[in-house]
Amino acid sequence: MKRTLLAFIFTLLIGGITTGSIDAKTENNRIYMIPVDRFLNNDKSNDVGVPSEENPYLSYGGDFKGIESQLDYIKEMGFDTLQLSPVFEMEESDYLGYAVNNYDEIATRYGGSDEFKQLIETIHENDMKVIVDFPTTATKDFKSLKSPEMTKPMESYYAHIERDFIDLTHSKNQKKYFEIVTEFLKHYDVDGISMYVVQSGLNREKFLPKDVTAYAINLSGGEISGFDYVTDENVRKAVTNGFSSVDKDILEYPTDNTILLADHWFSERFTSESTQHNMFPGTRIKQLFAYLNGYPGPIMFNYGTEVAQNGDEFPKIHPQMDFWTDKEVVDYIKEIVGVMDRHESMFISDIETIKNESGQYVLKYSTNDVDYIYNINNTSKTQKVYMGTDIVPENKELSGLLIGDVVRPHGDEYIAVTDREETELYAIIEPAGFNHWYLISSFIVFGGFAVFILLVARRSKRKQTS
């Protein structure tokens, strides 16, 4: 009798709590960028060149096992893809991986070929993807590029490693590079290749296999073609500028799968920009993350940005990962990710800009099911957004999913109010009213629980009197 009643009540509880099914996660290319050496030293037995005292120009000992041990941490922040810095054997004086010695061997200091394969397998078991940044660093087999376009941190780095770039417009170089990448893909089940492009006029199909997804961070300032996903310095600087402070222009979401990011391995850190404006880094990071995660296309997020790592020049832009985090920032990141996972239909929708003015960016996502309003107030003041029935239909209300605001109509108008440096995502829904089914199910659940307690008490009393 007791077991049957317990099973019955458990079924009622599940029935009362569940309100709908959750679809499989939409893959939006949420990419976490990891320079392997700077992440986590999990295996000290493979350390190469690690100094007894901190030296930012030498290796810190990060390895594949260190990344594998933190996959839950990365996944909880909503990232479905890892981008790894180059994984090939390199000079001992290098830590980032572009001073390539041998494209045929995986770096022993990271764990070698077997541990690399294990990392890839574990990433895939976690329903995540992995892409590897492929160096375009010239070895003796290649003709060098004469005038690469680089950022200042990249210039400092390449002066340190004393290497040249491969000229990927040269036919023999293209053939050789194609063979190297093809051979790598035969042995390692990665999901994509990325590269920093430092010369214009490149056609990816000339030097990369067609059957691998290719990402390009274009530093050249010129046209390139054939890559699946591309970003450039103008895009990155626009994103950084928009969120390094308040009341600044925000880049409209691209419509062509451009990669959005605020910094990368050869740029100043995002936090360094915000501190120059005397802004609180935690709030800046939260606003940046909210903006990036409303974008239906690919985003890249540099390791350590969530813990406000700083720096504007090489090698200060590559500090060792510090897993001490601002709890408020990380909790906010997880909240944004959780809400958007539950409402992922917004990413397969028509998107309309309602307002984009001096730091306030308001969008409408129209889906086949529920429509959404995303209100990013990156200004120094409380802001109101007035929306007519052409945006929010009559007899609807806006239900806040992040802060919890509820906006009801004022005549034919809806007025959404957000405080300074605040973001809210609204679902456009029918007015709540009384939920009779919820009241009935609650009565059944708690009534059943009360009956259960009564029966247990009576049974206990009978045992005591027998």
Protein backbone atom coordinates (compact mmCIF):
# COMPACT_ATOMS: atom_id res chain seq x y z
CA MET A 1 0.00 0.00 0.00
CA LYS A 2 2.77 2.43 1.00
CA ARG A 3 4.87 1.81 -2.16
CA THR A 4 1.85 2.12 -4.43
CA LEU A 5 0.86 5.43 -2.85
CA LEU A 6 4.41 6.77 -3.10
CA ALA A 7 4.58 5.87 -6.80
CA PHE A 8 1.21 7.52 -7.35
CA ILE A 9 2.26 10.75 -5.63
CA PHE A 10 5.61 10.83 -7.50
CA THR A 11 3.71 10.54 -10.80
CA LEU A 12 1.43 13.40 -9.79
CA LEU A 13 4.40 15.57 -8.82
CA ILE A 14 6.10 15.01 -12.17
CA GLY A 15 2.84 15.68 -13.98
CA GLY A 16 2.29 18.89 -12.01
CA ILE A 17 5.80 20.25 -12.59
CA THR A 18 6.33 19.46 -16.27
CA THR A 19 4.86 22.13 -18.55
CA GLY A 20 6.27 21.21 -21.93
CA SER A 21 8.93 19.24 -23.76
CA ILE A 22 12.47 20.52 -24.32
CA ASP A 23 13.79 20.14 -27.85
CA ALA A 24 17.34 19.13 -28.69
CA LYS A 25 19.82 22.01 -28.35
CA THR A 26 20.28 24.17 -31.40
CA GLU A 27 23.92 24.35 -32.47
CA ASN A 28 24.90 28.01 -32.78
CA ASN A 29 28.70 27.72 -32.79
CA ARG A 30 29.34 29.10 -29.30
CA ILE A 31 33.13 28.85 -29.41
CA TYR A 32 35.44 29.02 -26.39
CA MET A 33 39.00 29.94 -27.46
CA ILE A 34 41.76 28.11 -25.57
CA PRO A 35 45.53 28.61 -25.90
CA VAL A 36 46.45 25.15 -24.64
CA ASP A 37 49.57 26.12 -22.67
CA ARG A 38 47.81 28.92 -20.77
CA PHE A 39 44.75 26.95 -19.65
CA LEU A 40 45.59 24.32 -17.02
CA ASN A 41 48.66 22.23 -16.22
CA ASN A 42 47.09 18.91 -15.25
CA ASP A 43 50.10 16.68 -16.01
CA LYS A 44 53.48 18.03 -14.88
CA SER A 45 55.34 15.00 -16.25
CA ASN A 46 55.20 16.42 -19.81
CA ASP A 47 56.32 19.98 -18.95
CA VAL A 48 58.85 21.52 -21.32
CA GLY A 49 60.64 24.78 -20.53
CA VAL A 50 58.37 25.56 -17.58
CA PRO A 51 60.32 28.04 -15.41
CA SER A 52 60.69 27.75 -11.65
CA GLU A 53 59.68 31.40 -11.45
CA GLU A 54 56.98 32.96 -13.62
CA ASN A 55 58.29 34.02 -17.01
CA PRO A 56 55.52 35.16 -19.39
CA TYR A 57 57.63 34.32 -22.46
CA LEU A 58 57.93 30.64 -21.56
CA SER A 59 55.53 27.74 -21.21
CA TYR A 60 53.25 27.44 -18.18
CA GLY A 61 52.66 23.74 -18.78
CA GLY A 62 49.02 23.64 -19.91
CA ASP A 63 48.05 20.39 -21.59
CA PHE A 64 45.23 18.33 -23.12
CA LYS A 65 44.38 16.70 -19.79
CA GLY A 66 43.93 20.13 -18.26
CA ILE A 67 41.32 21.02 -20.87
CA GLU A 68 39.60 17.65 -20.53
CA SER A 69 39.25 18.15 -16.78
CA GLN A 70 37.36 21.43 -17.29
CA LEU A 71 34.84 20.49 -19.98
CA ASP A 72 31.94 20.76 -17.52
CA TYR A 73 33.03 24.28 -16.60
CA ILE A 74 33.11 25.29 -20.28
CA LYS A 75 29.84 23.58 -21.13
CA GLU A 76 27.98 25.20 -18.22
CA MET A 77 28.76 28.59 -19.77
CA GLY A 78 26.92 27.50 -22.91
CA PHE A 79 29.83 26.78 -25.21
CA ASP A 80 29.35 23.92 -27.65
CA THR A 81 32.71 24.22 -29.44
CA LEU A 82 36.34 24.50 -28.33
CA GLN A 83 38.93 26.27 -30.43
CA LEU A 84 42.45 25.10 -29.58
CA SER A 85 45.66 26.94 -30.35
CA PRO A 86 48.11 25.05 -32.63
CA VAL A 87 48.89 21.56 -31.31
CA PHE A 88 52.06 20.75 -33.27
CA GLU A 89 55.63 20.36 -32.05
CA MET A 90 57.12 23.81 -31.51
CA GLU A 91 60.25 25.56 -30.33
CA GLU A 92 60.90 25.30 -26.60
CA SER A 93 60.95 29.12 -26.34
CA ASP A 94 57.40 29.31 -27.74
CA TYR A 95 54.20 28.79 -25.74
CA LEU A 96 51.43 29.66 -28.21
CA GLY A 97 52.25 27.10 -30.89
CA TYR A 98 53.04 29.09 -34.03
CA ALA A 99 56.82 28.47 -33.95
CA VAL A 100 56.16 25.12 -35.62
CA ASN A 101 58.99 22.63 -35.89
CA ASN A 102 57.05 19.73 -37.34
CA TYR A 103 53.52 19.66 -38.75
CA ASP A 104 53.57 15.85 -38.56
CA GLU A 105 53.78 15.52 -34.77
CA ILE A 106 51.53 16.56 -31.90
CA ALA A 107 53.32 18.48 -29.14
CA THR A 108 54.63 16.18 -26.42
CA ARG A 109 54.37 19.03 -23.89
CA TYR A 110 50.59 18.94 -24.40
CA GLY A 111 50.38 15.16 -24.05
CA GLY A 112 51.16 13.93 -27.56
CA SER A 113 49.00 12.17 -30.12
CA ASP A 114 47.24 9.68 -27.83
CA GLU A 115 46.10 12.29 -25.30
CA PHE A 116 45.02 14.58 -28.12
CA LYS A 117 42.82 11.80 -29.51
CA GLN A 118 41.47 11.15 -26.02
CA LEU A 119 40.59 14.82 -25.63
CA ILE A 120 38.76 14.87 -28.97
CA GLU A 121 36.82 11.73 -28.02
CA THR A 122 35.82 13.17 -24.64
CA ILE A 123 34.72 16.44 -26.23
CA HIS A 124 32.50 14.53 -28.63
CA GLU A 125 31.10 12.39 -25.80
CA ASN A 126 30.00 15.68 -24.20
CA ASP A 127 28.11 16.64 -27.38
CA MET A 128 30.65 19.35 -28.13
CA LYS A 129 32.90 20.08 -31.09
CA VAL A 130 36.57 20.92 -31.43
CA ILE A 131 38.36 23.08 -33.97
CA VAL A 132 42.12 23.55 -34.18
CA ASP A 133 43.83 26.74 -35.19
CA PHE A 134 46.22 25.88 -38.00
CA PRO A 135 49.44 27.92 -38.17
CA THR A 136 50.44 29.47 -41.47
CA THR A 137 54.02 29.61 -40.21
CA ALA A 138 56.68 28.95 -42.83
CA THR A 139 59.07 26.06 -42.34
CA LYS A 140 61.93 25.34 -44.75
CA ASP A 141 59.52 23.72 -47.23
CA PHE A 142 57.59 26.93 -47.90
CA LYS A 143 58.08 30.24 -49.64
CA SER A 144 57.63 33.08 -47.14
CA LEU A 145 55.15 35.93 -47.32
CA LYS A 146 56.85 39.31 -47.64
CA SER A 147 54.35 41.78 -46.16
CA PRO A 148 51.85 40.19 -43.74
CA GLU A 149 49.12 42.33 -42.15
CA MET A 150 49.34 41.93 -38.38
CA THR A 151 48.03 43.48 -35.19
CA LYS A 152 50.59 45.03 -32.85
CA PRO A 153 50.49 42.11 -30.37
CA MET A 154 50.99 39.70 -33.29
CA GLU A 155 53.97 41.73 -34.55
CA SER A 156 55.58 41.49 -31.11
CA TYR A 157 54.87 37.77 -30.89
CA TYR A 158 56.29 36.93 -34.33
CA ALA A 159 59.36 39.06 -33.63
CA HIS A 160 59.84 36.95 -30.49
CA ILE A 161 59.56 33.58 -32.28
CA GLU A 162 61.48 34.90 -35.34
CA ARG A 163 59.28 33.21 -37.90
CA ASP A 164 57.72 34.15 -41.25
CA PHE A 165 54.31 33.36 -42.70
CA ILE A 166 53.54 31.04 -45.60
CA ASP A 167 52.55 32.82 -48.80
CA LEU A 168 49.26 31.04 -49.51
CA THR A 169 48.83 32.60 -52.95
CA HIS A 170 51.89 30.63 -54.14
CA SER A 171 50.78 27.46 -55.97
CA LYS A 172 53.47 25.15 -54.56
CA ASN A 173 52.78 26.41 -51.05
CA GLN A 174 49.06 25.78 -51.55
CA LYS A 175 49.67 22.19 -52.64
CA LYS A 176 52.03 21.46 -49.75
CA TYR A 177 49.74 23.06 -47.18
CA PHE A 178 46.73 21.17 -48.55
CA GLU A 179 48.64 17.90 -48.08
CA ILE A 180 49.57 18.79 -44.48
CA VAL A 181 45.99 19.60 -43.49
CA THR A 182 44.61 16.54 -45.29
CA GLU A 183 47.06 14.25 -43.50
CA PHE A 184 46.18 15.81 -40.14
CA LEU A 185 42.46 15.25 -40.73
CA LYS A 186 43.07 11.58 -41.57
CA HIS A 187 44.39 10.97 -38.06
CA TYR A 188 42.40 13.36 -35.89
CA ASP A 189 38.62 13.62 -35.86
CA VAL A 190 38.38 17.37 -35.39
CA ASP A 191 35.28 19.28 -36.47
CA GLY A 192 36.94 22.28 -38.04
CA ILE A 193 40.05 24.26 -38.89
CA SER A 194 40.61 27.92 -38.05
CA MET A 195 43.34 30.34 -39.02
CA TYR A 196 44.48 33.93 -38.70
CA VAL A 197 44.60 35.32 -42.24
CA VAL A 198 47.33 37.93 -42.78
CA GLN A 199 47.14 38.36 -46.56
CA SER A 200 44.26 39.32 -48.82
CA GLY A 201 43.04 37.53 -51.93
CA LEU A 202 43.03 34.03 -50.43
CA ASN A 203 40.65 31.37 -51.70
CA ARG A 204 40.28 28.68 -49.07
CA GLU A 205 39.59 26.00 -51.69
CA LYS A 206 43.15 26.36 -53.02
CA PHE A 207 44.81 25.17 -49.81
CA LEU A 208 42.18 23.55 -47.51
CA PRO A 209 40.10 20.39 -48.11
CA LYS A 210 36.45 21.03 -48.93
CA ASP A 211 35.08 18.55 -46.39
CA VAL A 212 36.21 20.43 -43.26
CA THR A 213 34.52 23.48 -41.76
CA ALA A 214 36.87 26.46 -42.03
CA TYR A 215 36.91 29.56 -39.79
CA ALA A 216 38.94 32.68 -40.59
CA ILE A 217 39.96 35.61 -38.41
CA ASN A 218 40.86 38.00 -41.20
CA LEU A 219 43.56 40.47 -40.22
CA SER A 220 44.46 41.36 -43.81
CA GLY A 221 41.87 44.07 -44.36
CA GLY A 222 41.18 42.58 -47.80
CA GLU A 223 38.81 40.13 -49.44
CA ILE A 224 39.08 36.39 -48.83
CA SER A 225 36.77 33.64 -50.07
CA GLY A 226 35.65 30.06 -49.50
CA PHE A 227 35.67 30.06 -45.67
CA ASP A 228 32.51 28.91 -43.90
CA TYR A 229 32.74 31.54 -41.18
CA VAL A 230 34.72 34.78 -41.23
CA THR A 231 35.35 37.78 -39.02
CA ASP A 232 37.69 40.73 -39.31
CA GLU A 233 39.24 43.42 -37.13
CA ASN A 234 36.57 46.00 -37.98
CA VAL A 235 33.86 43.69 -36.62
CA ARG A 236 35.87 42.85 -33.51
CA LYS A 237 36.68 46.48 -32.77
CA ALA A 238 33.03 47.47 -33.24
CA VAL A 239 31.89 44.83 -30.73
CA THR A 240 34.58 45.82 -28.24
CA ASN A 241 33.90 49.53 -28.62
CA GLY A 242 30.16 49.05 -28.15
CA PHE A 243 30.55 47.33 -24.77
CA SER A 244 33.79 48.72 -23.36
CA SER A 245 31.69 51.56 -21.93
CA VAL A 246 28.10 52.88 -22.01
CA ASP A 247 26.17 55.10 -24.44
CA LYS A 248 28.13 53.80 -27.43
CA ASP A 249 26.95 52.53 -30.80
CA ILE A 250 26.24 48.81 -30.83
CA LEU A 251 27.02 46.75 -33.92
CA GLU A 252 23.85 45.42 -35.60
CA TYR A 253 23.75 41.64 -35.68
CA PRO A 254 25.13 40.52 -39.07
CA THR A 255 22.89 38.49 -41.37
CA ASP A 256 25.68 36.52 -43.11
CA ASN A 257 27.07 34.26 -40.34
CA THR A 258 29.93 36.63 -39.58
CA ILE A 259 31.71 35.56 -36.39
CA LEU A 260 31.19 37.99 -33.51
CA LEU A 261 33.94 38.36 -30.89
CA ALA A 262 35.46 41.02 -28.66
CA ASP A 263 39.07 39.83 -28.54
CA HIS A 264 41.35 37.04 -29.70
CA TRP A 265 44.88 35.72 -29.13
CA PHE A 266 46.48 38.58 -31.04
CA SER A 267 44.43 41.54 -29.79
CA GLU A 268 44.15 43.49 -26.57
CA ARG A 269 41.90 41.86 -23.99
CA PHE A 270 38.31 43.09 -23.81
CA THR A 271 38.68 43.96 -20.12
CA SER A 272 41.64 46.24 -20.83
CA GLU A 273 39.36 48.38 -22.97
CA SER A 274 36.69 48.68 -20.28
CA THR A 275 39.21 49.56 -17.55
CA GLN A 276 40.53 52.41 -19.71
CA HIS A 277 37.02 53.88 -19.46
CA ASN A 278 36.96 53.32 -15.66
CA MET A 279 34.05 50.91 -16.03
CA PHE A 280 33.34 47.98 -13.69
CA PRO A 281 34.58 44.88 -15.56
CA GLY A 282 31.90 42.53 -14.21
CA THR A 283 29.04 44.58 -15.63
CA ARG A 284 30.86 45.05 -18.93
CA ILE A 285 31.37 41.30 -19.27
CA LYS A 286 27.71 40.57 -18.49
CA GLN A 287 26.49 43.06 -21.08
CA LEU A 288 28.94 41.73 -23.68
CA PHE A 289 27.86 38.15 -23.01
CA ALA A 290 24.17 39.07 -23.25
CA TYR A 291 24.80 40.73 -26.62
CA LEU A 292 26.85 37.86 -28.03
CA ASN A 293 24.35 35.22 -26.94
CA GLY A 294 21.40 36.94 -28.57
CA TYR A 295 23.15 36.52 -31.93
CA PRO A 296 21.93 33.52 -33.95
CA GLY A 297 25.29 33.17 -35.72
CA PRO A 298 28.71 32.04 -34.47
CA ILE A 299 30.50 33.76 -31.58
CA MET A 300 34.01 33.38 -30.16
CA PHE A 301 34.80 34.04 -26.50
CA ASN A 302 38.41 34.24 -25.37
CA TYR A 303 39.44 32.11 -22.37
CA GLY A 304 39.56 34.08 -19.13
CA THR A 305 37.28 36.90 -20.26
CA GLU A 306 34.74 35.57 -17.76
CA VAL A 307 37.26 36.25 -14.97
CA ALA A 308 38.22 39.69 -16.33
CA GLN A 309 41.73 38.81 -17.47
CA ASN A 310 43.54 41.91 -18.67
CA GLY A 311 46.41 43.00 -20.91
CA ASP A 312 46.94 44.99 -24.09
CA GLU A 313 50.30 43.76 -25.40
CA PHE A 314 52.25 40.54 -25.85
CA PRO A 315 52.75 38.54 -23.66
CA LYS A 316 50.44 40.17 -21.06
CA ILE A 317 47.42 39.27 -23.20
CA HIS A 318 48.08 35.59 -22.42
CA PRO A 319 48.01 35.21 -18.63
CA GLN A 320 47.58 31.78 -17.12
CA MET A 321 43.93 30.87 -16.68
CA ASP A 322 42.62 31.77 -13.22
CA PHE A 323 39.54 29.76 -12.29
CA TRP A 324 38.70 32.18 -9.48
CA THR A 325 35.56 33.79 -10.83
CA ASP A 326 33.22 36.59 -9.90
CA LYS A 327 30.25 34.46 -8.80
CA GLU A 328 27.76 37.11 -9.88
CA VAL A 329 29.22 37.20 -13.41
CA VAL A 330 29.35 33.43 -13.84
CA ASP A 331 25.86 32.99 -12.37
CA TYR A 332 24.58 35.57 -14.85
CA ILE A 333 26.30 33.77 -17.74
CA LYS A 334 24.70 30.50 -16.69
CA GLU A 335 21.31 32.19 -16.33
CA ILE A 336 21.48 33.68 -19.84
CA VAL A 337 22.52 30.32 -21.25
CA GLY A 338 19.80 28.44 -19.36
CA VAL A 339 17.04 30.79 -20.50
CA MET A 340 18.15 30.71 -24.13
CA ASP A 341 18.46 26.93 -24.08
CA ARG A 342 14.83 26.73 -22.95
CA HIS A 343 13.75 29.18 -25.66
CA GLU A 344 16.08 28.19 -28.47
CA SER A 345 13.37 28.64 -31.11
CA MET A 346 14.29 32.34 -31.04
CA PHE A 347 17.47 31.45 -32.93
CA ILE A 348 15.55 30.10 -35.93
CA SER A 349 13.39 33.15 -36.45
CA ASP A 350 12.99 36.38 -38.35
CA ILE A 351 14.81 39.16 -36.48
CA GLU A 352 13.73 42.79 -36.64
CA THR A 353 15.56 45.72 -35.07
CA ILE A 354 13.12 47.88 -33.11
CA LYS A 355 15.69 50.35 -31.83
CA ASN A 356 19.47 50.77 -31.99
CA GLU A 357 20.48 54.12 -30.60
CA SER A 358 23.41 55.25 -28.45
CA GLY A 359 23.75 52.04 -26.49
CA GLN A 360 20.22 50.66 -26.51
CA TYR A 361 19.61 47.72 -28.82
CA VAL A 362 16.10 46.24 -28.98
CA LEU A 363 15.14 43.36 -31.25
CA LYS A 364 12.10 41.27 -32.01
CA TYR A 365 12.46 37.54 -32.76
CA SER A 366 9.41 36.22 -34.64
CA THR A 367 8.99 32.44 -34.56
CA ASN A 368 6.25 29.99 -35.48
CA ASP A 369 5.46 29.57 -31.81
CA VAL A 370 6.35 32.37 -29.36
CA ASP A 371 7.75 35.78 -30.30
CA TYR A 372 10.41 37.51 -28.21
CA ILE A 373 11.68 41.02 -27.46
CA TYR A 374 15.36 41.37 -26.51
CA ASN A 375 16.12 44.67 -24.79
CA ILE A 376 19.82 45.46 -24.24
CA ASN A 377 20.16 48.74 -22.33
CA ASN A 378 23.87 49.51 -22.44
CA THR A 379 23.36 53.15 -21.51
CA SER A 380 23.97 55.26 -18.41
CA LYS A 381 20.25 55.88 -17.80
CA THR A 382 16.99 54.05 -17.26
CA GLN A 383 15.36 53.66 -20.67
CA LYS A 384 11.81 53.22 -21.92
CA VAL A 385 10.88 51.50 -25.17
CA TYR A 386 7.45 52.25 -26.60
CA MET A 387 5.96 49.49 -28.75
CA GLY A 388 2.64 49.60 -30.57
CA THR A 389 0.39 46.76 -31.65
CA ASP A 390 2.40 46.48 -34.86
CA ILE A 391 5.17 44.98 -32.68
CA VAL A 392 3.23 43.44 -29.78
CA PRO A 393 -0.28 42.26 -30.76
CA GLU A 394 -3.33 43.36 -28.83
CA ASN A 395 -4.35 41.47 -25.70
CA LYS A 396 -0.83 40.15 -25.11
CA GLU A 397 1.74 40.81 -22.42
CA LEU A 398 5.53 40.74 -22.18
CA SER A 399 6.85 38.19 -19.71
CA GLY A 400 10.45 38.85 -18.60
CA LEU A 401 12.62 35.74 -18.64
CA LEU A 402 15.81 37.18 -17.12
CA ILE A 403 14.78 39.84 -14.62
CA GLY A 404 11.12 38.86 -14.40
CA ASP A 405 9.49 42.09 -15.55
CA VAL A 406 5.90 41.90 -16.79
CA VAL A 407 4.74 44.53 -19.29
CA ARG A 408 0.97 44.91 -19.85
CA PRO A 409 -0.66 47.19 -22.40
CA HIS A 410 -1.35 50.86 -21.70
CA GLY A 411 -4.10 51.45 -24.20
CA ASP A 412 -2.58 50.54 -27.56
CA GLU A 413 0.98 50.76 -26.30
CA TYR A 414 3.47 48.63 -24.43
CA ILE A 415 6.21 50.37 -22.44
CA ALA A 416 9.27 48.27 -21.53
CA VAL A 417 11.52 49.85 -18.87
CA THR A 418 15.08 48.74 -18.16
CA ASP A 419 17.58 50.17 -15.69
CA ARG A 420 21.01 51.31 -16.86
CA GLU A 421 23.37 48.52 -17.97
CA GLU A 422 20.60 45.93 -17.85
CA THR A 423 19.29 43.38 -20.33
CA GLU A 424 15.88 41.70 -20.42
CA LEU A 425 14.43 39.04 -22.71
CA TYR A 426 10.64 39.05 -22.98
CA ALA A 427 8.35 36.36 -24.31
CA ILE A 428 5.16 37.72 -25.91
CA ILE A 429 2.40 35.62 -24.34
CA GLU A 430 -1.29 35.52 -23.51
CA PRO A 431 -2.15 37.29 -20.23
CA ALA A 432 -1.57 34.88 -17.38
CA GLY A 433 -4.86 35.12 -15.43
CA PHE A 434 -5.78 32.16 -13.21
CA ASN A 435 -4.30 28.84 -14.19
CA HIS A 436 -7.14 26.52 -13.24
CA TRP A 437 -5.32 23.35 -14.27
CA TYR A 438 -2.35 24.36 -12.14
CA LEU A 439 -4.64 24.92 -9.13
CA ILE A 440 -6.32 21.56 -9.67
CA SER A 441 -3.03 19.68 -10.05
CA SER A 442 -1.60 21.45 -6.97
CA PHE A 443 -4.68 20.45 -4.96
CA ILE A 444 -4.30 16.82 -6.08
CA VAL A 445 -0.56 16.74 -5.32
CA PHE A 446 -0.74 18.32 -1.88
CA GLY A 447 -4.00 16.57 -1.07
CA GLY A 448 -2.41 13.26 -1.97
CA PHE A 449 0.61 14.08 0.16
CA ALA A 450 -1.66 14.89 3.13
CA VAL A 451 -3.47 11.55 2.70
CA PHE A 452 -0.10 9.79 2.58
CA ILE A 453 1.01 11.42 5.86
CA LEU A 454 -2.32 10.52 7.49
CA LEU A 455 -2.05 6.86 6.45
CA VAL A 456 1.55 6.62 7.66
CA ALA A 457 0.58 8.16 11.00
CA ARG A 458 -2.32 5.71 11.47
CA ARG A 459 -0.12 2.76 10.56
CA SER A 460 2.52 3.91 13.05
CA LYS A 461 -0.14 4.27 15.78
CA ARG A 462 -1.43 0.73 15.12
CA LYS A 463 2.12 -0.64 15.47
CA GLN A 464 2.58 1.18 18.78
CA THR A 465 -0.69 -0.20 20.24
CA SER A 466 -0.17 -3.78 19.03
